[in-house]
């Protein structure tokens, strides 16, 4: 009898603050990461998030180590179009919400249940509606 490989039990998504706190080894974010991996959840972020996180003062070695432990999902045309749709549905627009919308579109394309760690829960809840659990960190 062959075993059928199973997919992840869900997905944990890090926004820019979640990733930055992972780099700083924040206790709460580290706890979320340990639990996600123990539960066989995927841990992801959007490639657009890197634009917000990478700056001259970030510990590049710690960032690269964290990135090696998660999946950085690309912003494809499909994700960009879905992000635009999420913005329209939420009645939002402009660059202020663009990266959040790309993150939400990425999250909603991932295997569920989806949990997003963020410093901006209000905007992400508007964009994701009730399709993801949004946790303030």
Protein backbone atom coordinates (compact mmCIF):
# COMPACT_ATOMS: atom_id res chain seq x y z
CA UNK A 1 0.00 0.00 0.00
CA UNK A 2 1.46 3.38 -0.93
CA UNK A 3 1.11 6.30 1.38
CA UNK A 4 -0.45 9.43 0.00
CA UNK A 5 1.51 12.54 0.91
CA UNK A 6 -0.67 14.96 2.77
CA UNK A 7 -0.69 18.70 2.32
CA UNK A 8 -0.26 21.25 5.04
CA UNK A 9 -2.84 21.56 7.79
CA UNK A 10 -3.10 25.28 7.14
CA UNK A 11 -1.00 28.33 6.56
CA UNK A 12 0.58 30.93 8.83
CA UNK A 13 1.23 34.22 7.01
CA UNK A 14 3.65 36.89 8.18
CA UNK A 15 3.19 40.52 7.19
CA UNK A 16 6.13 42.91 7.37
CA UNK A 17 5.86 43.35 11.13
CA UNK A 18 5.52 39.60 11.63
CA UNK A 19 8.64 38.98 9.57
CA UNK A 20 10.54 41.82 11.27
CA UNK A 21 9.62 40.42 14.68
CA UNK A 22 10.69 36.94 13.58
CA UNK A 23 14.07 38.42 12.63
CA UNK A 24 14.28 39.98 16.12
CA UNK A 25 13.25 36.63 17.65
CA UNK A 26 10.23 38.19 19.33
CA UNK A 27 8.86 35.73 21.87
CA UNK A 28 5.24 35.82 20.65
CA UNK A 29 6.08 35.46 16.96
CA UNK A 30 8.60 32.73 17.72
CA UNK A 31 5.89 30.86 19.63
CA UNK A 32 3.54 31.13 16.62
CA UNK A 33 6.26 29.83 14.30
CA UNK A 34 7.05 26.86 16.54
CA UNK A 35 3.36 25.95 16.83
CA UNK A 36 2.79 26.32 13.09
CA UNK A 37 5.67 24.03 12.24
CA UNK A 38 4.64 21.50 14.91
CA UNK A 39 1.14 21.43 13.37
CA UNK A 40 2.60 20.96 9.87
CA UNK A 41 1.36 24.38 8.73
CA UNK A 42 3.02 26.23 5.89
CA UNK A 43 4.66 29.50 6.90
CA UNK A 44 4.66 32.09 4.13
CA UNK A 45 4.95 35.73 3.26
CA UNK A 46 4.48 37.70 0.07
CA UNK A 47 7.46 38.81 -1.98
CA UNK A 48 5.97 42.31 -1.72
CA UNK A 49 6.50 42.14 2.05
CA UNK A 50 10.24 42.06 1.51
CA UNK A 51 10.05 45.61 0.14
CA UNK A 52 8.76 46.79 3.52
CA UNK A 53 11.11 44.69 5.65
CA UNK A 54 14.49 45.14 4.00
CA UNK A 55 16.22 48.32 5.12
CA UNK A 56 19.81 49.29 6.04
CA UNK A 57 19.43 48.56 9.76
CA UNK A 58 17.93 45.07 9.52
CA UNK A 59 20.14 42.17 10.54
CA UNK A 60 20.59 40.63 7.08
CA UNK A 61 21.94 37.31 8.37
CA UNK A 62 18.95 36.89 10.70
CA UNK A 63 16.57 37.90 7.89
CA UNK A 64 18.10 35.41 5.48
CA UNK A 65 17.88 32.66 8.12
CA UNK A 66 14.18 33.39 8.71
CA UNK A 67 13.51 33.53 4.96
CA UNK A 68 15.19 30.13 4.56
CA UNK A 69 12.60 28.70 6.96
CA UNK A 70 9.50 29.96 5.16
CA UNK A 71 8.15 30.29 1.67
CA UNK A 72 8.24 33.65 -0.06
CA UNK A 73 5.33 33.58 -2.48
CA UNK A 74 5.66 35.60 -5.69
CA UNK A 75 3.25 38.32 -6.70
CA UNK A 76 1.98 36.88 -9.94
CA UNK A 77 -0.47 38.53 -12.29
CA UNK A 78 -3.22 36.37 -10.75
CA UNK A 79 -2.30 37.55 -7.24
CA UNK A 80 -2.13 41.19 -8.42
CA UNK A 81 -5.57 40.95 -10.01
CA UNK A 82 -7.00 39.34 -6.87
CA UNK A 83 -5.39 42.07 -4.73
CA UNK A 84 -7.09 44.68 -6.91
CA UNK A 85 -10.41 42.89 -6.51
CA UNK A 86 -9.97 42.76 -2.72
CA UNK A 87 -9.27 46.51 -2.68
CA UNK A 88 -12.37 47.23 -4.75
CA UNK A 89 -14.57 45.01 -2.60
CA UNK A 90 -13.29 46.71 0.58
CA UNK A 91 -13.73 50.18 -0.94
CA UNK A 92 -10.01 50.90 -0.63
CA UNK A 93 -7.43 52.05 -3.15
CA UNK A 94 -3.99 53.53 -3.53
CA UNK A 95 -0.47 52.71 -2.51
CA UNK A 96 -1.31 52.83 1.22
CA UNK A 97 -3.16 49.52 0.91
CA UNK A 98 -1.37 47.92 -2.05
CA UNK A 99 1.12 45.73 -0.17
CA UNK A 100 -1.54 44.67 2.36
CA UNK A 101 -3.81 43.69 -0.53
CA UNK A 102 -1.04 41.64 -2.17
CA UNK A 103 -0.37 39.92 1.16
CA UNK A 104 -4.06 39.13 1.61
CA UNK A 105 -4.40 37.81 -1.94
CA UNK A 106 -1.37 35.61 -1.31
CA UNK A 107 -2.81 34.42 2.00
CA UNK A 108 -6.21 33.61 0.53
CA UNK A 109 -4.59 31.56 -2.25
CA UNK A 110 -2.82 29.39 0.36
CA UNK A 111 -4.18 26.16 1.87
CA UNK A 112 -6.55 26.92 4.74
CA UNK A 113 -7.21 27.53 7.41
CA UNK A 114 -5.15 30.71 7.10
CA UNK A 115 -3.87 32.80 10.00
CA UNK A 116 -2.17 36.15 9.37
CA UNK A 117 0.13 37.76 11.94
CA UNK A 118 0.07 41.53 11.50
CA UNK A 119 0.50 44.88 13.19
CA UNK A 120 -2.39 46.22 11.07
CA UNK A 121 -5.37 43.96 11.78
CA UNK A 122 -8.13 46.41 10.82
CA UNK A 123 -7.05 46.84 7.19
CA UNK A 124 -6.29 43.15 6.75
CA UNK A 125 -9.67 42.14 8.20
CA UNK A 126 -11.39 44.49 5.73
CA UNK A 127 -9.43 43.00 2.85
CA UNK A 128 -9.76 39.33 3.86
CA UNK A 129 -13.27 39.61 5.23
CA UNK A 130 -13.94 36.39 7.15
CA UNK A 131 -11.75 34.18 4.96
CA UNK A 132 -8.69 34.32 7.24
CA UNK A 133 -8.00 34.71 10.93
CA UNK A 134 -6.13 37.95 11.51
CA UNK A 135 -4.05 38.21 14.70
CA UNK A 136 -2.54 41.44 15.97
CA UNK A 137 1.08 41.12 17.05
